[in-house]
């Protein structure tokens, strides 16, 4: 769903990094590192891939590269006897399971108490899994439109033992997926190679943008967390994406390892709150206004190119 639809009407690094993790920081400085994180857990079937086939294809791509991802689950999508076993496969293969709220509501427009209960409802569903971790990722990466709203949720998260499941590399794979499925609906035999190629180009461009921005803002590389979605696009092409990163000299790392980077302890003091963590830290400095757009990623930035694909 278009992020701007939710945001257009919604109205230097604050803390020094500690010396722990010095070797990890040095490693990131030498070679970019990236972990895969996926949102939503989409379970509808398509003529191209059933939900179960898509789920296994994504898992198999991760297994082929011997990495563990983080799956941020939206509970309402999987809270049935048919769909919950799809999440269990992630747990059985050792991937991190995390909280993306139960109902996928837009926090800036939500009632605080209802939103907080929605988070806890999702925790009740997911805590049965051995690899469930108390990381929360806000839908649409929107963490509050006022200081009060932002800080009230941060206090709630601390009270309940949650960390923010930040992304450092934001992107619009969801939009590429949407456009590809529209094309397939119109022509089930459509050539998908142009969508694959655009997807790889798009993710690479956004990855290098956020990696360069991190080095300018922090003076070092970070262990990146890449935002992707559990969708048809990644069922088909996640393997291609992971091979691309390796070919270009990036190191694939486990999501839980990435979240040990000290950058994930930061809490940027900006409003509206959210976006990529790197975007937010850059915004906080006041020095990168020409490089930052708002929202950081959205369909409007990709539409013209996607239109050429059909």
C-alpha atoms as a PDB file:
ATOM      1  CA  UNK A   1       0.000   0.000   0.000  1.00  0.00           C
ATOM      2  CA  UNK A   2       1.258   3.484  -0.900  1.00  0.00           C
ATOM      3  CA  UNK A   3       2.985   4.989   2.129  1.00  0.00           C
ATOM      4  CA  UNK A   4       2.193   8.550   1.116  1.00  0.00           C
ATOM      5  CA  UNK A   5      -1.507   7.773   1.337  1.00  0.00           C
ATOM      6  CA  UNK A   6      -0.921   7.364   5.066  1.00  0.00           C
ATOM      7  CA  UNK A   7       1.483  10.262   5.559  1.00  0.00           C
ATOM      8  CA  UNK A   8       0.391  13.241   3.473  1.00  0.00           C
ATOM      9  CA  UNK A   9      -2.472  14.099   5.836  1.00  0.00           C
ATOM     10  CA  UNK A  10      -1.047  12.763   9.078  1.00  0.00           C
ATOM     11  CA  UNK A  11      -0.037  16.078   9.564  1.00  0.00           C
ATOM     12  CA  UNK A  12      24.416  14.330  14.861  1.00  0.00           C
ATOM     13  CA  UNK A  13      23.609  11.161  16.444  1.00  0.00           C
ATOM     14  CA  UNK A  14      22.122  11.783  19.908  1.00  0.00           C
ATOM     15  CA  UNK A  15      24.214   9.317  21.904  1.00  0.00           C
ATOM     16  CA  UNK A  16      27.843   8.233  21.507  1.00  0.00           C
ATOM     17  CA  UNK A  17      28.459   4.634  20.486  1.00  0.00           C
ATOM     18  CA  UNK A  18      30.210   2.514  23.112  1.00  0.00           C
ATOM     19  CA  UNK A  19      33.481   0.736  22.493  1.00  0.00           C
ATOM     20  CA  UNK A  20      31.975  -2.753  22.721  1.00  0.00           C
ATOM     21  CA  UNK A  21      31.740  -4.505  19.394  1.00  0.00           C
ATOM     22  CA  UNK A  22      34.886  -2.840  18.050  1.00  0.00           C
ATOM     23  CA  UNK A  23      35.841  -5.841  15.921  1.00  0.00           C
ATOM     24  CA  UNK A  24      32.353  -5.979  14.430  1.00  0.00           C
ATOM     25  CA  UNK A  25      32.553  -2.297  13.530  1.00  0.00           C
ATOM     26  CA  UNK A  26      35.929  -2.786  11.885  1.00  0.00           C
ATOM     27  CA  UNK A  27      34.527  -5.676   9.858  1.00  0.00           C
ATOM     28  CA  UNK A  28      31.604  -3.592   8.607  1.00  0.00           C
ATOM     29  CA  UNK A  29      34.018  -0.825   7.610  1.00  0.00           C
ATOM     30  CA  UNK A  30      35.972  -3.211   5.368  1.00  0.00           C
ATOM     31  CA  UNK A  31      33.094  -5.033   3.702  1.00  0.00           C
ATOM     32  CA  UNK A  32      29.423  -4.039   3.598  1.00  0.00           C
ATOM     33  CA  UNK A  33      27.247  -6.523   5.488  1.00  0.00           C
ATOM     34  CA  UNK A  34      23.531  -7.083   5.084  1.00  0.00           C
ATOM     35  CA  UNK A  35      20.846  -9.221   6.705  1.00  0.00           C
ATOM     36  CA  UNK A  36      17.470 -10.099   5.233  1.00  0.00           C
ATOM     37  CA  UNK A  37      14.316  -9.078   7.083  1.00  0.00           C
ATOM     38  CA  UNK A  38      10.833  -9.667   5.723  1.00  0.00           C
ATOM     39  CA  UNK A  39       7.487  -8.153   6.662  1.00  0.00           C
ATOM     40  CA  UNK A  40       3.825  -9.118   6.722  1.00  0.00           C
ATOM     41  CA  UNK A  41       3.695 -12.834   5.837  1.00  0.00           C
ATOM     42  CA  UNK A  42       1.379 -12.704   2.850  1.00  0.00           C
ATOM     43  CA  UNK A  43      -0.611 -15.938   2.502  1.00  0.00           C
ATOM     44  CA  UNK A  44      -2.895 -15.495  -0.508  1.00  0.00           C
ATOM     45  CA  UNK A  45      -2.457 -17.888  -3.419  1.00  0.00           C
ATOM     46  CA  UNK A  46      -1.644 -16.706  -6.936  1.00  0.00           C
ATOM     47  CA  UNK A  47      -1.606 -18.545 -10.278  1.00  0.00           C
ATOM     48  CA  UNK A  48       2.188 -18.193 -10.220  1.00  0.00           C
ATOM     49  CA  UNK A  49       2.857 -19.493  -6.702  1.00  0.00           C
ATOM     50  CA  UNK A  50       0.638 -20.795  -3.940  1.00  0.00           C
ATOM     51  CA  UNK A  51       1.289 -19.417  -0.459  1.00  0.00           C
ATOM     52  CA  UNK A  52       2.915 -22.678   0.631  1.00  0.00           C
ATOM     53  CA  UNK A  53       5.112 -22.901  -2.465  1.00  0.00           C
ATOM     54  CA  UNK A  54       6.139 -19.261  -2.133  1.00  0.00           C
ATOM     55  CA  UNK A  55       6.942 -19.755   1.529  1.00  0.00           C
ATOM     56  CA  UNK A  56       9.198 -22.731   0.829  1.00  0.00           C
ATOM     57  CA  UNK A  57      10.884 -20.954  -2.079  1.00  0.00           C
ATOM     58  CA  UNK A  58      11.865 -18.031   0.156  1.00  0.00           C
ATOM     59  CA  UNK A  59      13.109 -20.375   2.869  1.00  0.00           C
ATOM     60  CA  UNK A  60      15.061 -22.450   0.359  1.00  0.00           C
ATOM     61  CA  UNK A  61      16.775 -19.340  -1.024  1.00  0.00           C
ATOM     62  CA  UNK A  62      17.897 -18.389   2.477  1.00  0.00           C
ATOM     63  CA  UNK A  63      19.048 -21.942   3.200  1.00  0.00           C
ATOM     64  CA  UNK A  64      21.071 -22.008  -0.017  1.00  0.00           C
ATOM     65  CA  UNK A  65      23.144 -19.113   1.308  1.00  0.00           C
ATOM     66  CA  UNK A  66      23.230 -20.443   4.874  1.00  0.00           C
ATOM     67  CA  UNK A  67      21.749 -17.313   6.437  1.00  0.00           C
ATOM     68  CA  UNK A  68      18.987 -16.758   8.977  1.00  0.00           C
ATOM     69  CA  UNK A  69      16.510 -13.985   8.303  1.00  0.00           C
ATOM     70  CA  UNK A  70      14.053 -12.128  10.528  1.00  0.00           C
ATOM     71  CA  UNK A  71      10.367 -12.623   9.743  1.00  0.00           C
ATOM     72  CA  UNK A  72       8.200  -9.779  11.094  1.00  0.00           C
ATOM     73  CA  UNK A  73       4.777 -11.412  11.206  1.00  0.00           C
ATOM     74  CA  UNK A  74       1.414  -9.666  10.943  1.00  0.00           C
ATOM     75  CA  UNK A  75      -0.771 -11.927  13.040  1.00  0.00           C
ATOM     76  CA  UNK A  76      -4.088 -11.474  11.265  1.00  0.00           C
ATOM     77  CA  UNK A  77      -2.533 -12.922   8.100  1.00  0.00           C
ATOM     78  CA  UNK A  78      -1.587 -16.236   9.677  1.00  0.00           C
ATOM     79  CA  UNK A  79      -3.933 -16.789  12.625  1.00  0.00           C
ATOM     80  CA  UNK A  80      -5.653 -19.876  11.200  1.00  0.00           C
ATOM     81  CA  UNK A  81      -5.033 -23.609  11.367  1.00  0.00           C
ATOM     82  CA  UNK A  82      -4.082 -23.517   7.678  1.00  0.00           C
ATOM     83  CA  UNK A  83      -1.631 -20.631   7.780  1.00  0.00           C
ATOM     84  CA  UNK A  84       0.129 -20.802  11.144  1.00  0.00           C
ATOM     85  CA  UNK A  85       2.108 -23.905  10.068  1.00  0.00           C
ATOM     86  CA  UNK A  86       3.722 -21.716   7.389  1.00  0.00           C
ATOM     87  CA  UNK A  87       5.230 -19.592  10.164  1.00  0.00           C
ATOM     88  CA  UNK A  88       6.244 -22.738  12.029  1.00  0.00           C
ATOM     89  CA  UNK A  89       8.480 -23.680   9.104  1.00  0.00           C
ATOM     90  CA  UNK A  90      10.464 -20.492   9.682  1.00  0.00           C
ATOM     91  CA  UNK A  91      10.860 -21.355  13.330  1.00  0.00           C
ATOM     92  CA  UNK A  92      11.905 -24.923  12.546  1.00  0.00           C
ATOM     93  CA  UNK A  93      14.590 -23.663  10.182  1.00  0.00           C
ATOM     94  CA  UNK A  94      15.972 -21.354  12.846  1.00  0.00           C
ATOM     95  CA  UNK A  95      14.858 -17.974  11.581  1.00  0.00           C
ATOM     96  CA  UNK A  96      14.008 -15.149  13.946  1.00  0.00           C
ATOM     97  CA  UNK A  97      10.257 -14.535  14.393  1.00  0.00           C
ATOM     98  CA  UNK A  98       9.279 -11.003  15.390  1.00  0.00           C
ATOM     99  CA  UNK A  99       6.287  -8.712  15.896  1.00  0.00           C
ATOM    100  CA  UNK A 100       4.753  -6.624  13.094  1.00  0.00           C
ATOM    101  CA  UNK A 101       1.528  -6.047  15.075  1.00  0.00           C
ATOM    102  CA  UNK A 102      -1.571  -8.179  14.730  1.00  0.00           C
ATOM    103  CA  UNK A 103      -3.630  -5.887  12.499  1.00  0.00           C
ATOM    104  CA  UNK A 104      -1.015  -3.847  10.569  1.00  0.00           C
ATOM    105  CA  UNK A 105      -2.545  -0.518  11.572  1.00  0.00           C
ATOM    106  CA  UNK A 106      -0.999   2.897  10.905  1.00  0.00           C
ATOM    107  CA  UNK A 107       0.286   4.053  14.289  1.00  0.00           C
ATOM    108  CA  UNK A 108       0.188   7.849  13.725  1.00  0.00           C
ATOM    109  CA  UNK A 109      -3.605   7.664  13.285  1.00  0.00           C
ATOM    110  CA  UNK A 110      -4.275   4.957  15.874  1.00  0.00           C
ATOM    111  CA  UNK A 111      -5.592   5.053  19.419  1.00  0.00           C
ATOM    112  CA  UNK A 112      -2.596   4.335  21.655  1.00  0.00           C
ATOM    113  CA  UNK A 113      -4.274   1.786  23.921  1.00  0.00           C
ATOM    114  CA  UNK A 114      -5.782  -0.126  21.007  1.00  0.00           C
ATOM    115  CA  UNK A 115      -2.444  -0.168  19.213  1.00  0.00           C
ATOM    116  CA  UNK A 116      -0.592  -1.352  22.305  1.00  0.00           C
ATOM    117  CA  UNK A 117      -3.087  -4.174  22.795  1.00  0.00           C
ATOM    118  CA  UNK A 118      -2.688  -5.104  19.144  1.00  0.00           C
ATOM    119  CA  UNK A 119       1.056  -5.561  19.702  1.00  0.00           C
ATOM    120  CA  UNK A 120       0.450  -7.742  22.748  1.00  0.00           C
ATOM    121  CA  UNK A 121      -2.191  -9.775  20.924  1.00  0.00           C
ATOM    122  CA  UNK A 122       0.391 -10.575  18.271  1.00  0.00           C
ATOM    123  CA  UNK A 123       2.929 -11.504  20.923  1.00  0.00           C
ATOM    124  CA  UNK A 124       0.445 -13.981  22.406  1.00  0.00           C
ATOM    125  CA  UNK A 125       0.155 -15.625  19.001  1.00  0.00           C
ATOM    126  CA  UNK A 126       3.883 -15.714  18.231  1.00  0.00           C
ATOM    127  CA  UNK A 127       5.468 -16.542  21.575  1.00  0.00           C
ATOM    128  CA  UNK A 128       4.776 -20.251  20.988  1.00  0.00           C
ATOM    129  CA  UNK A 129       7.720 -20.261  18.576  1.00  0.00           C
ATOM    130  CA  UNK A 130      11.175 -20.989  19.982  1.00  0.00           C
ATOM    131  CA  UNK A 131      12.804 -18.329  17.817  1.00  0.00           C
ATOM    132  CA  UNK A 132      10.364 -15.556  18.696  1.00  0.00           C
ATOM    133  CA  UNK A 133      12.252 -12.437  19.733  1.00  0.00           C
ATOM    134  CA  UNK A 134      10.827  -9.231  21.173  1.00  0.00           C
ATOM    135  CA  UNK A 135      11.525  -6.965  18.237  1.00  0.00           C
ATOM    136  CA  UNK A 136       8.747  -4.694  16.978  1.00  0.00           C
ATOM    137  CA  UNK A 137       8.620  -3.267  13.487  1.00  0.00           C
ATOM    138  CA  UNK A 138       6.069  -0.547  12.878  1.00  0.00           C
ATOM    139  CA  UNK A 139       3.896  -1.021   9.788  1.00  0.00           C
ATOM    140  CA  UNK A 140       4.912   1.436   7.072  1.00  0.00           C
ATOM    141  CA  UNK A 141       7.924   2.297   9.313  1.00  0.00           C
ATOM    142  CA  UNK A 142       5.867   5.070  10.897  1.00  0.00           C
ATOM    143  CA  UNK A 143       6.567   5.525  14.620  1.00  0.00           C
ATOM    144  CA  UNK A 144       4.505   8.587  15.543  1.00  0.00           C
ATOM    145  CA  UNK A 145       3.614  12.040  14.247  1.00  0.00           C
ATOM    146  CA  UNK A 146       4.265  13.905  17.513  1.00  0.00           C
ATOM    147  CA  UNK A 147       6.929  13.762  20.187  1.00  0.00           C
ATOM    148  CA  UNK A 148       4.339  12.644  22.737  1.00  0.00           C
ATOM    149  CA  UNK A 149       3.052   9.825  20.538  1.00  0.00           C
ATOM    150  CA  UNK A 150       6.567   8.654  19.682  1.00  0.00           C
ATOM    151  CA  UNK A 151       7.828   8.706  23.252  1.00  0.00           C
ATOM    152  CA  UNK A 152       4.719   7.077  24.713  1.00  0.00           C
ATOM    153  CA  UNK A 153       5.231   4.064  22.450  1.00  0.00           C
ATOM    154  CA  UNK A 154       8.936   3.937  23.226  1.00  0.00           C
ATOM    155  CA  UNK A 155       8.090   3.805  26.926  1.00  0.00           C
ATOM    156  CA  UNK A 156       5.592   1.002  26.285  1.00  0.00           C
ATOM    157  CA  UNK A 157       8.218  -0.948  24.361  1.00  0.00           C
ATOM    158  CA  UNK A 158      10.742  -0.592  27.183  1.00  0.00           C
ATOM    159  CA  UNK A 159       8.138  -1.690  29.725  1.00  0.00           C
ATOM    160  CA  UNK A 160       7.396  -4.845  27.742  1.00  0.00           C
ATOM    161  CA  UNK A 161      10.976  -5.665  26.806  1.00  0.00           C
ATOM    162  CA  UNK A 162      10.767  -4.765  23.120  1.00  0.00           C
ATOM    163  CA  UNK A 163      13.476  -3.449  20.837  1.00  0.00           C
ATOM    164  CA  UNK A 164      12.756  -1.598  17.629  1.00  0.00           C
ATOM    165  CA  UNK A 165      13.170  -3.855  14.596  1.00  0.00           C
ATOM    166  CA  UNK A 166      14.709  -1.069  12.550  1.00  0.00           C
ATOM    167  CA  UNK A 167      15.614  -1.359   8.906  1.00  0.00           C
ATOM    168  CA  UNK A 168      18.688   0.440   7.656  1.00  0.00           C
ATOM    169  CA  UNK A 169      17.983  -0.218   3.965  1.00  0.00           C
ATOM    170  CA  UNK A 170      14.435   0.723   3.043  1.00  0.00           C
ATOM    171  CA  UNK A 171      13.088  -0.080  -0.422  1.00  0.00           C
ATOM    172  CA  UNK A 172       9.922  -0.657  -2.439  1.00  0.00           C
ATOM    173  CA  UNK A 173       9.970  -4.347  -3.297  1.00  0.00           C
ATOM    174  CA  UNK A 174       6.285  -4.390  -2.338  1.00  0.00           C
ATOM    175  CA  UNK A 175       5.524  -2.059  -5.256  1.00  0.00           C
ATOM    176  CA  UNK A 176       7.549  -4.079  -7.754  1.00  0.00           C
ATOM    177  CA  UNK A 177       5.609  -7.131  -6.557  1.00  0.00           C
ATOM    178  CA  UNK A 178       2.300  -5.308  -6.943  1.00  0.00           C
ATOM    179  CA  UNK A 179       3.070  -4.212 -10.480  1.00  0.00           C
ATOM    180  CA  UNK A 180       4.375  -7.645 -11.463  1.00  0.00           C
ATOM    181  CA  UNK A 181       1.215  -9.355 -10.190  1.00  0.00           C
ATOM    182  CA  UNK A 182      -0.932  -6.853 -12.078  1.00  0.00           C
ATOM    183  CA  UNK A 183       1.001  -7.733 -15.216  1.00  0.00           C
ATOM    184  CA  UNK A 184       0.537 -11.456 -14.596  1.00  0.00           C
ATOM    185  CA  UNK A 185      -3.183 -10.976 -14.084  1.00  0.00           C
ATOM    186  CA  UNK A 186      -3.404  -9.308 -17.485  1.00  0.00           C
ATOM    187  CA  UNK A 187      -1.083 -11.826 -19.143  1.00  0.00           C
ATOM    188  CA  UNK A 188      -0.266 -15.015 -17.213  1.00  0.00           C
ATOM    189  CA  UNK A 189       2.507 -15.781 -19.731  1.00  0.00           C
ATOM    190  CA  UNK A 190       4.227 -12.399 -19.416  1.00  0.00           C
ATOM    191  CA  UNK A 191       8.024 -12.375 -19.401  1.00  0.00           C
ATOM    192  CA  UNK A 192       9.078 -11.647 -15.814  1.00  0.00           C
ATOM    193  CA  UNK A 193      12.765 -11.079 -16.549  1.00  0.00           C
ATOM    194  CA  UNK A 194      12.320  -7.277 -16.804  1.00  0.00           C
ATOM    195  CA  UNK A 195      10.709  -7.246 -13.344  1.00  0.00           C
ATOM    196  CA  UNK A 196      13.529  -9.334 -11.929  1.00  0.00           C
ATOM    197  CA  UNK A 197      16.125  -7.046 -13.481  1.00  0.00           C
ATOM    198  CA  UNK A 198      14.400  -3.905 -12.226  1.00  0.00           C
ATOM    199  CA  UNK A 199      14.051  -5.417  -8.757  1.00  0.00           C
ATOM    200  CA  UNK A 200      17.757  -6.175  -8.527  1.00  0.00           C
ATOM    201  CA  UNK A 201      18.675  -2.741  -9.859  1.00  0.00           C
ATOM    202  CA  UNK A 202      16.316  -1.016  -7.422  1.00  0.00           C
ATOM    203  CA  UNK A 203      17.522  -2.883  -4.341  1.00  0.00           C
ATOM    204  CA  UNK A 204      21.145  -2.351  -5.289  1.00  0.00           C
ATOM    205  CA  UNK A 205      20.631   1.392  -5.801  1.00  0.00           C
ATOM    206  CA  UNK A 206      18.870   1.803  -2.459  1.00  0.00           C
ATOM    207  CA  UNK A 207      21.436  -0.372  -0.671  1.00  0.00           C
ATOM    208  CA  UNK A 208      24.369   1.681  -1.898  1.00  0.00           C
ATOM    209  CA  UNK A 209      22.504   4.906  -1.079  1.00  0.00           C
ATOM    210  CA  UNK A 210      21.881   3.923   2.547  1.00  0.00           C
ATOM    211  CA  UNK A 211      25.346   2.415   2.973  1.00  0.00           C
ATOM    212  CA  UNK A 212      26.960   5.618   1.730  1.00  0.00           C
ATOM    213  CA  UNK A 213      24.657   7.692   3.950  1.00  0.00           C
ATOM    214  CA  UNK A 214      25.526   5.579   7.002  1.00  0.00           C
ATOM    215  CA  UNK A 215      29.237   6.128   6.441  1.00  0.00           C
ATOM    216  CA  UNK A 216      28.719   9.881   6.099  1.00  0.00           C
ATOM    217  CA  UNK A 217      26.513  10.155   9.192  1.00  0.00           C
ATOM    218  CA  UNK A 218      28.291   7.691  11.488  1.00  0.00           C
ATOM    219  CA  UNK A 219      31.768   7.656  10.023  1.00  0.00           C
ATOM    220  CA  UNK A 220      31.596   3.892   9.566  1.00  0.00           C
ATOM    221  CA  UNK A 221      29.705   1.092   7.904  1.00  0.00           C
ATOM    222  CA  UNK A 222      26.938  -0.738   9.747  1.00  0.00           C
ATOM    223  CA  UNK A 223      25.503  -4.223   9.682  1.00  0.00           C
ATOM    224  CA  UNK A 224      22.524  -3.494   7.476  1.00  0.00           C
ATOM    225  CA  UNK A 225      19.006  -4.836   7.809  1.00  0.00           C
ATOM    226  CA  UNK A 226      17.273  -4.892   4.436  1.00  0.00           C
ATOM    227  CA  UNK A 227      13.503  -4.468   4.278  1.00  0.00           C
ATOM    228  CA  UNK A 228      11.795  -6.995   2.015  1.00  0.00           C
ATOM    229  CA  UNK A 229       8.344  -8.556   2.043  1.00  0.00           C
ATOM    230  CA  UNK A 230       6.976 -12.089   2.062  1.00  0.00           C
ATOM    231  CA  UNK A 231       5.568 -11.910  -1.455  1.00  0.00           C
ATOM    232  CA  UNK A 232       5.544 -13.465  -4.917  1.00  0.00           C
ATOM    233  CA  UNK A 233       8.481 -11.341  -6.063  1.00  0.00           C
ATOM    234  CA  UNK A 234      10.758 -12.790  -3.409  1.00  0.00           C
ATOM    235  CA  UNK A 235       9.381 -16.275  -3.898  1.00  0.00           C
ATOM    236  CA  UNK A 236      10.666 -16.015  -7.453  1.00  0.00           C
ATOM    237  CA  UNK A 237      13.766 -13.857  -7.174  1.00  0.00           C
ATOM    238  CA  UNK A 238      15.177 -13.764  -3.636  1.00  0.00           C
ATOM    239  CA  UNK A 239      17.893 -16.176  -4.697  1.00  0.00           C
ATOM    240  CA  UNK A 240      18.910 -13.829  -7.510  1.00  0.00           C
ATOM    241  CA  UNK A 241      19.054 -10.948  -5.047  1.00  0.00           C
ATOM    242  CA  UNK A 242      21.274 -12.791  -2.592  1.00  0.00           C
ATOM    243  CA  UNK A 243      23.614 -13.853  -5.378  1.00  0.00           C
ATOM    244  CA  UNK A 244      23.788 -10.239  -6.530  1.00  0.00           C
ATOM    245  CA  UNK A 245      24.926  -9.031  -3.114  1.00  0.00           C
ATOM    246  CA  UNK A 246      27.643 -11.673  -2.993  1.00  0.00           C
ATOM    247  CA  UNK A 247      28.768 -10.902  -6.545  1.00  0.00           C
ATOM    248  CA  UNK A 248      29.124  -7.236  -5.657  1.00  0.00           C
ATOM    249  CA  UNK A 249      31.259  -7.987  -2.612  1.00  0.00           C
ATOM    250  CA  UNK A 250      28.713  -7.682   0.192  1.00  0.00           C
ATOM    251  CA  UNK A 251      28.635 -10.191   3.030  1.00  0.00           C
ATOM    252  CA  UNK A 252      25.337 -11.862   3.947  1.00  0.00           C
ATOM    253  CA  UNK A 253      24.845 -12.141   7.716  1.00  0.00           C
ATOM    254  CA  UNK A 254      22.175 -13.490  10.056  1.00  0.00           C
ATOM    255  CA  UNK A 255      19.543 -10.996  11.170  1.00  0.00           C
ATOM    256  CA  UNK A 256      20.159 -11.553  14.885  1.00  0.00           C
ATOM    257  CA  UNK A 257      23.850 -10.857  14.308  1.00  0.00           C
ATOM    258  CA  UNK A 258      23.045  -7.656  12.436  1.00  0.00           C
ATOM    259  CA  UNK A 259      20.946  -6.409  15.349  1.00  0.00           C
ATOM    260  CA  UNK A 260      24.017  -6.564  17.623  1.00  0.00           C
ATOM    261  CA  UNK A 261      25.423  -3.537  15.810  1.00  0.00           C
ATOM    262  CA  UNK A 262      25.427  -0.599  18.272  1.00  0.00           C
ATOM    263  CA  UNK A 263      23.559   1.574  15.782  1.00  0.00           C
ATOM    264  CA  UNK A 264      20.356  -0.295  16.648  1.00  0.00           C
ATOM    265  CA  UNK A 265      20.446   1.118  20.174  1.00  0.00           C
ATOM    266  CA  UNK A 266      19.839   4.617  18.821  1.00  0.00           C
ATOM    267  CA  UNK A 267      16.544   6.427  19.168  1.00  0.00           C
ATOM    268  CA  UNK A 268      16.492   9.402  16.777  1.00  0.00           C
ATOM    269  CA  UNK A 269      14.724  12.443  18.170  1.00  0.00           C
ATOM    270  CA  UNK A 270      12.789  13.402  15.057  1.00  0.00           C
ATOM    271  CA  UNK A 271       9.129  13.858  14.190  1.00  0.00           C
ATOM    272  CA  UNK A 272       7.466  12.487  12.257  1.00  0.00           C
ATOM    273  CA  UNK A 273       9.314   9.471  13.650  1.00  0.00           C
ATOM    274  CA  UNK A 274      10.271   6.492  11.564  1.00  0.00           C
ATOM    275  CA  UNK A 275      11.706   5.647   8.126  1.00  0.00           C
ATOM    276  CA  UNK A 276      15.011   3.833   7.747  1.00  0.00           C
ATOM    277  CA  UNK A 277      17.129   4.179  10.887  1.00  0.00           C
ATOM    278  CA  UNK A 278      19.929   5.627   8.749  1.00  0.00           C
ATOM    279  CA  UNK A 279      17.496   8.117   7.211  1.00  0.00           C
ATOM    280  CA  UNK A 280      16.329   9.151  10.682  1.00  0.00           C
ATOM    281  CA  UNK A 281      19.861   9.591  12.019  1.00  0.00           C
ATOM    282  CA  UNK A 282      20.766  11.683   8.983  1.00  0.00           C
ATOM    283  CA  UNK A 283      17.618  13.778   9.463  1.00  0.00           C
ATOM    284  CA  UNK A 284      18.521  14.315  13.105  1.00  0.00           C
ATOM    285  CA  UNK A 285      21.822  15.977  12.176  1.00  0.00           C
ATOM    286  CA  UNK A 286      20.143  18.611  10.020  1.00  0.00           C
ATOM    287  CA  UNK A 287      23.023  18.272   7.555  1.00  0.00           C
ATOM    288  CA  UNK A 288      21.549  16.073   4.848  1.00  0.00           C
ATOM    289  CA  UNK A 289      18.328  17.798   3.821  1.00  0.00           C
ATOM    290  CA  UNK A 290      19.214  17.809   0.123  1.00  0.00           C
ATOM    291  CA  UNK A 291      19.842  14.053   0.175  1.00  0.00           C
ATOM    292  CA  UNK A 292      16.650  13.092   2.037  1.00  0.00           C
ATOM    293  CA  UNK A 293      13.171  12.771   0.585  1.00  0.00           C
ATOM    294  CA  UNK A 294       9.968  12.097   2.519  1.00  0.00           C
ATOM    295  CA  UNK A 295       8.814   9.453   2.719  1.00  0.00           C
ATOM    296  CA  UNK A 296      12.181   7.821   2.277  1.00  0.00           C
ATOM    297  CA  UNK A 297      10.727   5.220  -0.107  1.00  0.00           C
ATOM    298  CA  UNK A 298       7.411   5.020  -1.923  1.00  0.00           C
ATOM    299  CA  UNK A 299       5.758   3.947  -5.149  1.00  0.00           C
ATOM    300  CA  UNK A 300       5.866   7.464  -6.577  1.00  0.00           C
ATOM    301  CA  UNK A 301       9.642   7.226  -6.897  1.00  0.00           C
ATOM    302  CA  UNK A 302       9.453   3.999  -8.914  1.00  0.00           C
ATOM    303  CA  UNK A 303       6.258   4.446 -10.924  1.00  0.00           C
ATOM    304  CA  UNK A 304       7.716   6.019 -14.064  1.00  0.00           C
ATOM    305  CA  UNK A 305      10.244   3.232 -14.526  1.00  0.00           C
ATOM    306  CA  UNK A 306       7.713   0.551 -13.658  1.00  0.00           C
ATOM    307  CA  UNK A 307       5.281   1.979 -16.216  1.00  0.00           C
ATOM    308  CA  UNK A 308       7.756   1.137 -18.962  1.00  0.00           C
ATOM    309  CA  UNK A 309       7.525  -2.539 -18.003  1.00  0.00           C
ATOM    310  CA  UNK A 310       3.782  -2.693 -18.490  1.00  0.00           C
END
